C-alpha atoms as a PDB file:
ATOM      1  CA  MET A   1      25.452 -68.874 -13.463  1.00  0.00           C
ATOM      2  CA  PRO A   2      25.271 -65.415 -15.097  1.00  0.00           C
ATOM      3  CA  PRO A   3      28.635 -63.825 -15.890  1.00  0.00           C
ATOM      4  CA  SER A   4      30.256 -61.393 -13.440  1.00  0.00           C
ATOM      5  CA  SER A   5      29.294 -57.745 -13.995  1.00  0.00           C
ATOM      6  CA  PRO A   6      26.449 -58.754 -16.329  1.00  0.00           C
ATOM      7  CA  ILE A   7      25.343 -56.220 -18.955  1.00  0.00           C
ATOM      8  CA  ILE A   8      21.824 -55.084 -19.734  1.00  0.00           C
ATOM      9  CA  TRP A   9      21.699 -53.108 -22.965  1.00  0.00           C
ATOM     10  CA  LEU A  10      19.411 -50.138 -23.622  1.00  0.00           C
ATOM     11  CA  ALA A  11      19.270 -50.487 -27.376  1.00  0.00           C
ATOM     12  CA  SER A  12      17.779 -48.365 -30.130  1.00  0.00           C
ATOM     13  CA  TYR A  13      18.313 -46.761 -33.490  1.00  0.00           C
ATOM     14  CA  PRO A  14      19.551 -43.181 -32.877  1.00  0.00           C
ATOM     15  CA  LYS A  15      16.999 -40.481 -32.035  1.00  0.00           C
ATOM     16  CA  SER A  16      14.448 -42.995 -30.746  1.00  0.00           C
ATOM     17  CA  GLY A  17      14.231 -41.936 -27.092  1.00  0.00           C
ATOM     18  CA  ASN A  18      17.219 -43.761 -25.604  1.00  0.00           C
ATOM     19  CA  THR A  19      18.386 -40.709 -23.617  1.00  0.00           C
ATOM     20  CA  TRP A  20      14.910 -40.323 -22.146  1.00  0.00           C
ATOM     21  CA  LEU A  21      14.879 -44.024 -21.235  1.00  0.00           C
ATOM     22  CA  ARG A  22      18.251 -43.663 -19.502  1.00  0.00           C
ATOM     23  CA  PHE A  23      17.081 -40.662 -17.467  1.00  0.00           C
ATOM     24  CA  MET A  24      13.919 -42.463 -16.434  1.00  0.00           C
ATOM     25  CA  LEU A  25      15.746 -45.618 -15.400  1.00  0.00           C
ATOM     26  CA  TYR A  26      18.420 -43.630 -13.574  1.00  0.00           C
ATOM     27  CA  ALA A  27      15.779 -41.705 -11.628  1.00  0.00           C
ATOM     28  CA  ALA A  28      14.066 -44.966 -10.679  1.00  0.00           C
ATOM     29  CA  LEU A  29      17.313 -46.592  -9.542  1.00  0.00           C
ATOM     30  CA  TYR A  30      19.188 -43.690  -7.903  1.00  0.00           C
ATOM     31  CA  GLY A  31      16.801 -40.751  -7.586  1.00  0.00           C
ATOM     32  CA  PRO A  32      16.644 -37.526  -9.630  1.00  0.00           C
ATOM     33  CA  PRO A  33      20.009 -36.683 -11.237  1.00  0.00           C
ATOM     34  CA  LYS A  34      21.644 -33.436 -10.101  1.00  0.00           C
ATOM     35  CA  HIS A  35      23.718 -33.313 -13.275  1.00  0.00           C
ATOM     36  CA  SER A  36      23.178 -34.957 -16.641  1.00  0.00           C
ATOM     37  CA  ILE A  37      26.619 -36.554 -16.486  1.00  0.00           C
ATOM     38  CA  ASP A  38      25.390 -38.532 -13.456  1.00  0.00           C
ATOM     39  CA  VAL A  39      23.252 -40.549 -15.871  1.00  0.00           C
ATOM     40  CA  THR A  40      26.236 -41.337 -18.096  1.00  0.00           C
ATOM     41  CA  THR A  41      28.281 -42.419 -15.085  1.00  0.00           C
ATOM     42  CA  LYS A  42      25.695 -44.988 -13.984  1.00  0.00           C
ATOM     43  CA  ILE A  43      24.135 -45.852 -17.357  1.00  0.00           C
ATOM     44  CA  ALA A  44      27.008 -45.647 -19.806  1.00  0.00           C
ATOM     45  CA  ASP A  45      26.921 -44.906 -23.519  1.00  0.00           C
ATOM     46  CA  ILE A  46      29.069 -47.353 -25.504  1.00  0.00           C
ATOM     47  CA  HIS A  47      29.594 -44.629 -28.123  1.00  0.00           C
ATOM     48  CA  ARG A  48      31.055 -42.059 -25.730  1.00  0.00           C
ATOM     49  CA  LYS A  49      34.103 -42.027 -23.456  1.00  0.00           C
ATOM     50  CA  LEU A  50      33.106 -42.383 -19.814  1.00  0.00           C
ATOM     51  CA  PRO A  51      34.059 -39.629 -17.373  1.00  0.00           C
ATOM     52  CA  THR A  52      34.745 -42.344 -14.768  1.00  0.00           C
ATOM     53  CA  ASP A  53      34.902 -46.110 -14.684  1.00  0.00           C
ATOM     54  CA  PRO A  54      31.454 -47.731 -14.568  1.00  0.00           C
ATOM     55  CA  ASP A  55      30.154 -49.339 -11.404  1.00  0.00           C
ATOM     56  CA  LEU A  56      30.666 -53.103 -11.851  1.00  0.00           C
ATOM     57  CA  SER A  57      29.284 -54.188  -8.475  1.00  0.00           C
ATOM     58  CA  GLY A  58      25.970 -55.244 -10.029  1.00  0.00           C
ATOM     59  CA  PRO A  59      24.285 -55.296 -13.438  1.00  0.00           C
ATOM     60  CA  THR A  60      25.833 -52.750 -15.797  1.00  0.00           C
ATOM     61  CA  TYR A  61      23.357 -50.786 -17.907  1.00  0.00           C
ATOM     62  CA  ILE A  62      24.785 -49.529 -21.200  1.00  0.00           C
ATOM     63  CA  LYS A  63      23.247 -47.639 -24.097  1.00  0.00           C
ATOM     64  CA  THR A  64      23.915 -48.984 -27.596  1.00  0.00           C
ATOM     65  CA  HIS A  65      22.878 -47.994 -31.101  1.00  0.00           C
ATOM     66  CA  PHE A  66      24.688 -50.939 -32.702  1.00  0.00           C
ATOM     67  CA  GLU A  67      22.735 -53.481 -34.670  1.00  0.00           C
ATOM     68  CA  LEU A  68      22.783 -56.803 -32.827  1.00  0.00           C
ATOM     69  CA  THR A  69      25.244 -59.012 -34.682  1.00  0.00           C
ATOM     70  CA  ASP A  70      28.000 -61.436 -33.686  1.00  0.00           C
ATOM     71  CA  GLN A  71      30.354 -58.443 -33.697  1.00  0.00           C
ATOM     72  CA  HIS A  72      28.469 -56.522 -31.004  1.00  0.00           C
ATOM     73  CA  PRO A  73      30.766 -55.919 -27.994  1.00  0.00           C
ATOM     74  CA  GLN A  74      30.421 -57.857 -24.741  1.00  0.00           C
ATOM     75  CA  LEU A  75      27.830 -60.403 -25.875  1.00  0.00           C
ATOM     76  CA  ASP A  76      29.304 -62.976 -23.482  1.00  0.00           C
ATOM     77  CA  ARG A  77      28.383 -60.707 -20.540  1.00  0.00           C
ATOM     78  CA  THR A  78      24.914 -59.827 -21.795  1.00  0.00           C
ATOM     79  CA  ILE A  79      21.922 -61.129 -19.858  1.00  0.00           C
ATOM     80  CA  LYS A  80      19.068 -58.881 -21.065  1.00  0.00           C
ATOM     81  CA  ALA A  81      18.220 -55.926 -23.254  1.00  0.00           C
ATOM     82  CA  ILE A  82      15.565 -53.268 -23.621  1.00  0.00           C
ATOM     83  CA  HIS A  83      14.882 -52.087 -27.160  1.00  0.00           C
ATOM     84  CA  ILE A  84      12.997 -48.869 -27.810  1.00  0.00           C
ATOM     85  CA  ILE A  85      11.567 -48.123 -31.247  1.00  0.00           C
ATOM     86  CA  ARG A  86      10.142 -44.890 -32.651  1.00  0.00           C
ATOM     87  CA  ASN A  87       8.207 -44.004 -35.789  1.00  0.00           C
ATOM     88  CA  PRO A  88      10.861 -43.597 -38.516  1.00  0.00           C
ATOM     89  CA  ARG A  89       9.445 -40.299 -39.767  1.00  0.00           C
ATOM     90  CA  ASP A  90       9.959 -38.842 -36.288  1.00  0.00           C
ATOM     91  CA  VAL A  91      13.426 -40.366 -36.153  1.00  0.00           C
ATOM     92  CA  MET A  92      14.268 -38.648 -39.435  1.00  0.00           C
ATOM     93  CA  LEU A  93      12.940 -35.275 -38.291  1.00  0.00           C
ATOM     94  CA  SER A  94      14.702 -35.578 -34.947  1.00  0.00           C
ATOM     95  CA  THR A  95      17.967 -36.311 -36.719  1.00  0.00           C
ATOM     96  CA  ILE A  96      17.556 -33.232 -38.908  1.00  0.00           C
ATOM     97  CA  HIS A  97      16.997 -31.174 -35.776  1.00  0.00           C
ATOM     98  CA  TYR A  98      20.025 -32.797 -34.122  1.00  0.00           C
ATOM     99  CA  GLN A  99      22.194 -31.623 -37.006  1.00  0.00           C
ATOM    100  CA  LYS A 100      21.327 -28.032 -36.083  1.00  0.00           C
ATOM    101  CA  LEU A 101      23.185 -28.499 -32.798  1.00  0.00           C
ATOM    102  CA  ALA A 102      26.430 -28.733 -34.750  1.00  0.00           C
ATOM    103  CA  SER A 103      25.616 -26.502 -37.715  1.00  0.00           C
ATOM    104  CA  SER A 104      23.530 -23.380 -38.089  1.00  0.00           C
ATOM    105  CA  ASP A 105      23.260 -23.967 -41.870  1.00  0.00           C
ATOM    106  CA  THR A 106      20.550 -26.653 -41.967  1.00  0.00           C
ATOM    107  CA  ASN A 107      18.509 -24.987 -44.727  1.00  0.00           C
ATOM    108  CA  GLN A 108      15.611 -26.403 -46.736  1.00  0.00           C
ATOM    109  CA  VAL A 109      17.869 -27.692 -49.515  1.00  0.00           C
ATOM    110  CA  ILE A 110      19.917 -29.671 -46.983  1.00  0.00           C
ATOM    111  CA  LYS A 111      16.786 -30.945 -45.245  1.00  0.00           C
ATOM    112  CA  LYS A 112      15.255 -32.125 -48.553  1.00  0.00           C
ATOM    113  CA  HIS A 113      18.484 -33.814 -49.619  1.00  0.00           C
ATOM    114  CA  TYR A 114      18.791 -35.594 -46.278  1.00  0.00           C
ATOM    115  CA  ALA A 115      15.141 -36.692 -46.285  1.00  0.00           C
ATOM    116  CA  LYS A 116      15.446 -38.129 -49.781  1.00  0.00           C
ATOM    117  CA  SER A 117      18.602 -40.008 -48.759  1.00  0.00           C
ATOM    118  CA  PHE A 118      16.947 -41.331 -45.595  1.00  0.00           C
ATOM    119  CA  MET A 119      13.960 -42.602 -47.601  1.00  0.00           C
ATOM    120  CA  ALA A 120      16.109 -44.168 -50.309  1.00  0.00           C
ATOM    121  CA  LEU A 121      18.413 -45.971 -47.866  1.00  0.00           C
ATOM    122  CA  HIS A 122      15.705 -46.665 -45.251  1.00  0.00           C
ATOM    123  CA  GLY A 123      17.787 -44.902 -42.663  1.00  0.00           C
ATOM    124  CA  ASP A 124      20.694 -42.536 -42.112  1.00  0.00           C
ATOM    125  CA  PRO A 125      23.730 -43.374 -44.307  1.00  0.00           C
ATOM    126  CA  HIS A 126      26.156 -42.241 -41.585  1.00  0.00           C
ATOM    127  CA  PHE A 127      24.442 -44.447 -39.021  1.00  0.00           C
ATOM    128  CA  ALA A 128      24.774 -47.421 -41.373  1.00  0.00           C
ATOM    129  CA  LYS A 129      28.520 -46.829 -41.696  1.00  0.00           C
ATOM    130  CA  MET A 130      28.782 -46.776 -37.896  1.00  0.00           C
ATOM    131  CA  GLY A 131      27.273 -50.247 -37.621  1.00  0.00           C
ATOM    132  CA  PHE A 132      23.748 -49.212 -36.629  1.00  0.00           C
ATOM    133  CA  GLY A 133      22.073 -50.775 -39.661  1.00  0.00           C
ATOM    134  CA  THR A 134      18.892 -49.368 -41.162  1.00  0.00           C
ATOM    135  CA  TRP A 135      15.935 -48.300 -39.034  1.00  0.00           C
ATOM    136  CA  ALA A 136      14.202 -51.654 -39.603  1.00  0.00           C
ATOM    137  CA  SER A 137      17.246 -53.945 -39.502  1.00  0.00           C
ATOM    138  CA  ASN A 138      18.296 -52.443 -36.166  1.00  0.00           C
ATOM    139  CA  ALA A 139      14.890 -53.127 -34.620  1.00  0.00           C
ATOM    140  CA  ARG A 140      14.646 -56.558 -36.230  1.00  0.00           C
ATOM    141  CA  SER A 141      18.040 -57.637 -34.930  1.00  0.00           C
ATOM    142  CA  TRP A 142      17.130 -56.881 -31.310  1.00  0.00           C
ATOM    143  CA  ARG A 143      13.479 -57.920 -31.371  1.00  0.00           C
ATOM    144  CA  THR A 144      13.953 -61.326 -32.990  1.00  0.00           C
ATOM    145  CA  THR A 145      17.028 -62.505 -31.130  1.00  0.00           C
ATOM    146  CA  THR A 146      16.976 -65.665 -29.014  1.00  0.00           C
ATOM    147  CA  ARG A 147      20.354 -64.915 -27.376  1.00  0.00           C
ATOM    148  CA  PHE A 148      18.788 -63.311 -24.288  1.00  0.00           C
ATOM    149  CA  PRO A 149      15.449 -61.809 -23.167  1.00  0.00           C
ATOM    150  CA  VAL A 150      14.569 -58.471 -24.782  1.00  0.00           C
ATOM    151  CA  LEU A 151      11.835 -56.088 -23.615  1.00  0.00           C
ATOM    152  CA  PRO A 152      10.318 -54.277 -26.637  1.00  0.00           C
ATOM    153  CA  LEU A 153       9.298 -50.673 -25.962  1.00  0.00           C
ATOM    154  CA  ARG A 154       7.560 -48.136 -28.175  1.00  0.00           C
ATOM    155  CA  TYR A 155       8.438 -44.464 -27.846  1.00  0.00           C
ATOM    156  CA  GLU A 156       4.830 -43.527 -28.456  1.00  0.00           C
ATOM    157  CA  GLU A 157       3.569 -45.735 -25.606  1.00  0.00           C
ATOM    158  CA  LEU A 158       6.268 -44.435 -23.279  1.00  0.00           C
ATOM    159  CA  LYS A 159       5.142 -40.907 -24.066  1.00  0.00           C
ATOM    160  CA  ALA A 160       1.446 -41.684 -23.658  1.00  0.00           C
ATOM    161  CA  ASP A 161       1.774 -43.473 -20.317  1.00  0.00           C
ATOM    162  CA  PRO A 162       5.302 -43.259 -18.849  1.00  0.00           C
ATOM    163  CA  THR A 163       4.200 -44.530 -15.437  1.00  0.00           C
ATOM    164  CA  THR A 164       2.796 -47.818 -16.723  1.00  0.00           C
ATOM    165  CA  GLN A 165       5.734 -48.307 -19.076  1.00  0.00           C
ATOM    166  CA  LEU A 166       8.274 -47.694 -16.301  1.00  0.00           C
ATOM    167  CA  LYS A 167       6.503 -50.254 -14.117  1.00  0.00           C
ATOM    168  CA  GLY A 168       6.907 -52.748 -16.966  1.00  0.00           C
ATOM    169  CA  ILE A 169      10.573 -51.897 -17.352  1.00  0.00           C
ATOM    170  CA  LEU A 170      11.290 -52.380 -13.646  1.00  0.00           C
ATOM    171  CA  SER A 171       9.342 -55.654 -13.612  1.00  0.00           C
ATOM    172  CA  PHE A 172      11.442 -56.906 -16.535  1.00  0.00           C
ATOM    173  CA  LEU A 173      14.611 -55.896 -14.653  1.00  0.00           C
ATOM    174  CA  GLU A 174      13.274 -57.508 -11.457  1.00  0.00           C
ATOM    175  CA  ILE A 175      13.577 -54.215  -9.545  1.00  0.00           C
ATOM    176  CA  SER A 176      11.061 -53.329  -6.856  1.00  0.00           C
ATOM    177  CA  ARG A 177       9.924 -49.712  -6.407  1.00  0.00           C
ATOM    178  CA  THR A 178       6.885 -48.182  -4.751  1.00  0.00           C
ATOM    179  CA  ASP A 179       4.267 -46.325  -6.743  1.00  0.00           C
ATOM    180  CA  ASP A 180       5.520 -43.053  -5.227  1.00  0.00           C
ATOM    181  CA  GLN A 181       9.116 -43.795  -6.265  1.00  0.00           C
ATOM    182  CA  ILE A 182       7.976 -44.632  -9.781  1.00  0.00           C
ATOM    183  CA  GLN A 183       5.983 -41.419 -10.050  1.00  0.00           C
ATOM    184  CA  GLN A 184       8.930 -39.395  -8.754  1.00  0.00           C
ATOM    185  CA  ALA A 185      11.148 -40.989 -11.407  1.00  0.00           C
ATOM    186  CA  VAL A 186       8.646 -40.127 -14.127  1.00  0.00           C
ATOM    187  CA  THR A 187       8.491 -36.525 -12.958  1.00  0.00           C
ATOM    188  CA  ALA A 188      12.294 -36.267 -12.693  1.00  0.00           C
ATOM    189  CA  SER A 189      12.675 -37.480 -16.288  1.00  0.00           C
ATOM    190  CA  SER A 190       9.893 -35.419 -17.841  1.00  0.00           C
ATOM    191  CA  PHE A 191      10.587 -33.424 -20.994  1.00  0.00           C
ATOM    192  CA  ASP A 192      10.324 -30.106 -19.171  1.00  0.00           C
ATOM    193  CA  THR A 193      12.644 -31.221 -16.374  1.00  0.00           C
ATOM    194  CA  MET A 194      15.269 -32.529 -18.774  1.00  0.00           C
ATOM    195  CA  ARG A 195      15.178 -29.415 -20.933  1.00  0.00           C
ATOM    196  CA  ALA A 196      15.523 -27.186 -17.875  1.00  0.00           C
ATOM    197  CA  LEU A 197      18.588 -29.196 -16.852  1.00  0.00           C
ATOM    198  CA  GLU A 198      20.014 -28.874 -20.373  1.00  0.00           C
ATOM    199  CA  ILE A 199      19.569 -25.093 -20.402  1.00  0.00           C
ATOM    200  CA  ARG A 200      21.061 -24.702 -16.940  1.00  0.00           C
ATOM    201  CA  GLU A 201      24.123 -26.793 -17.755  1.00  0.00           C
ATOM    202  CA  LYS A 202      24.786 -25.094 -21.078  1.00  0.00           C
ATOM    203  CA  ASN A 203      24.519 -21.677 -19.472  1.00  0.00           C
ATOM    204  CA  THR A 204      27.012 -22.798 -16.832  1.00  0.00           C
ATOM    205  CA  ASP A 205      29.499 -24.716 -19.003  1.00  0.00           C
ATOM    206  CA  LYS A 206      30.782 -22.593 -21.878  1.00  0.00           C
ATOM    207  CA  SER A 207      33.428 -25.116 -22.913  1.00  0.00           C
ATOM    208  CA  ASN A 208      31.069 -27.618 -24.598  1.00  0.00           C
ATOM    209  CA  ASP A 209      32.981 -30.321 -22.748  1.00  0.00           C
ATOM    210  CA  LEU A 210      30.976 -33.550 -23.115  1.00  0.00           C
ATOM    211  CA  THR A 211      32.830 -35.184 -20.242  1.00  0.00           C
ATOM    212  CA  LYS A 212      30.965 -32.739 -17.997  1.00  0.00           C
ATOM    213  CA  ARG A 213      27.440 -33.091 -19.375  1.00  0.00           C
ATOM    214  CA  LEU A 214      25.365 -35.486 -21.438  1.00  0.00           C
ATOM    215  CA  PHE A 215      23.564 -32.991 -23.674  1.00  0.00           C
ATOM    216  CA  VAL A 216      25.206 -32.337 -27.037  1.00  0.00           C
ATOM    217  CA  GLY A 217      25.188 -28.804 -28.461  1.00  0.00           C
ATOM    218  CA  SER A 218      26.588 -25.438 -27.559  1.00  0.00           C
ATOM    219  CA  ASN A 219      25.165 -22.651 -25.446  1.00  0.00           C
ATOM    220  CA  ASN A 220      25.004 -20.594 -28.652  1.00  0.00           C
ATOM    221  CA  ALA A 221      22.630 -23.140 -30.204  1.00  0.00           C
ATOM    222  CA  THR A 222      20.455 -23.061 -27.100  1.00  0.00           C
ATOM    223  CA  ARG A 223      20.194 -19.275 -27.280  1.00  0.00           C
ATOM    224  CA  LYS A 224      18.831 -19.709 -30.810  1.00  0.00           C
ATOM    225  CA  GLY A 225      16.168 -22.090 -29.545  1.00  0.00           C
ATOM    226  CA  VAL A 226      17.910 -25.285 -30.671  1.00  0.00           C
ATOM    227  CA  TYR A 227      17.933 -27.885 -27.894  1.00  0.00           C
ATOM    228  CA  PHE A 228      19.075 -31.484 -27.551  1.00  0.00           C
ATOM    229  CA  MET A 229      15.761 -32.028 -25.808  1.00  0.00           C
ATOM    230  CA  ASN A 230      13.586 -30.899 -28.694  1.00  0.00           C
ATOM    231  CA  LYS A 231       9.803 -31.391 -28.962  1.00  0.00           C
ATOM    232  CA  GLY A 232       9.649 -35.185 -28.686  1.00  0.00           C
ATOM    233  CA  GLU A 233       6.574 -35.258 -30.929  1.00  0.00           C
ATOM    234  CA  SER A 234       5.061 -38.275 -32.668  1.00  0.00           C
ATOM    235  CA  ASN A 235       3.734 -38.998 -36.164  1.00  0.00           C
ATOM    236  CA  GLN A 236       4.768 -35.570 -37.443  1.00  0.00           C
ATOM    237  CA  SER A 237       4.047 -34.364 -40.977  1.00  0.00           C
ATOM    238  CA  LEU A 238       6.895 -33.908 -43.448  1.00  0.00           C
ATOM    239  CA  THR A 239       5.076 -31.150 -45.335  1.00  0.00           C
ATOM    240  CA  ALA A 240       7.351 -28.509 -43.780  1.00  0.00           C
ATOM    241  CA  ILE A 241      10.291 -30.096 -45.605  1.00  0.00           C
ATOM    242  CA  ALA A 242       8.511 -30.332 -48.951  1.00  0.00           C
ATOM    243  CA  PRO A 243       4.958 -30.903 -50.239  1.00  0.00           C
ATOM    244  CA  GLY A 244       4.293 -34.571 -51.002  1.00  0.00           C
ATOM    245  CA  PHE A 245       7.001 -35.931 -48.735  1.00  0.00           C
ATOM    246  CA  ASP A 246       4.500 -37.694 -46.471  1.00  0.00           C
ATOM    247  CA  ALA A 247       3.275 -39.819 -49.373  1.00  0.00           C
ATOM    248  CA  GLN A 248       6.826 -40.472 -50.554  1.00  0.00           C
ATOM    249  CA  PHE A 249       7.876 -41.536 -47.078  1.00  0.00           C
ATOM    250  CA  ASN A 250       4.892 -43.853 -46.641  1.00  0.00           C
ATOM    251  CA  ALA A 251       5.669 -45.494 -49.976  1.00  0.00           C
ATOM    252  CA  ALA A 252       9.375 -45.898 -49.188  1.00  0.00           C
ATOM    253  CA  PHE A 253       8.750 -47.376 -45.721  1.00  0.00           C
ATOM    254  CA  LYS A 254       5.503 -49.210 -46.536  1.00  0.00           C
ATOM    255  CA  ASP A 255       6.654 -52.697 -45.577  1.00  0.00           C
ATOM    256  CA  GLU A 256       8.601 -51.576 -42.492  1.00  0.00           C
ATOM    257  CA  LEU A 257       5.718 -49.478 -41.210  1.00  0.00           C
ATOM    258  CA  VAL A 258       3.410 -52.487 -41.386  1.00  0.00           C
ATOM    259  CA  GLU A 259       5.992 -54.861 -39.908  1.00  0.00           C
ATOM    260  CA  PHE A 260       6.523 -52.723 -36.794  1.00  0.00           C
ATOM    261  CA  GLY A 261       2.968 -51.491 -36.323  1.00  0.00           C
ATOM    262  CA  TYR A 262       3.267 -48.032 -37.843  1.00  0.00           C
ATOM    263  CA  GLU A 263       0.830 -48.552 -40.703  1.00  0.00           C
ATOM    264  CA  SER A 264       0.744 -45.531 -42.974  1.00  0.00           C
END
């Protein structure tokens, strides 16, 4: 018998598309969200305080960035997981962009220093301290476990064909939806739709109260063209940070890129 209020984790290293995955799944389960905080209420984030108690009447979907170890919370209630992975160079660039949401002083010197640190440590040093592991160890921990079934997703495949990928997600979760419902969910969680929601909420809420909305960052950052929902691009060049960084990155992540299908 599965445990009461079983948990299904939506797992990833930070900046790998977990928020997008949550929006897409929410839209498939409950319809288009009117507010971003609706997603957090139904598909919680283990790293953020919930605005309300989660619904425990059925499977509980929770986002996690933690590496899967014996210390991960609520393993006794876990029945499944979905793990989404993204090219580490795009993860690094997305994290640099994310830092702009909190600081307007993300200059080239800071970007170069961060990129060198990310390459040397094979991930973000702050993320490692928080228990997220390195980019590769996080993915490896979830994708090789025999504790429970795990559906492996690739950000790039989700971007290329969200409809097919969502069908696979729902099949894994044993959830039935019509083709029309699936297409509506894909549309409701598109990049443009999510960014429009982010802009609307930040223009409405001047308090930057994250119990009222999911998207991090102030209205001031949005006015400067810095969004939580950035470009969502794939296999980007690092030349804008510094010449030669693409080659340095490929050398630093050579083994990991091959292991996870991102051959340089």
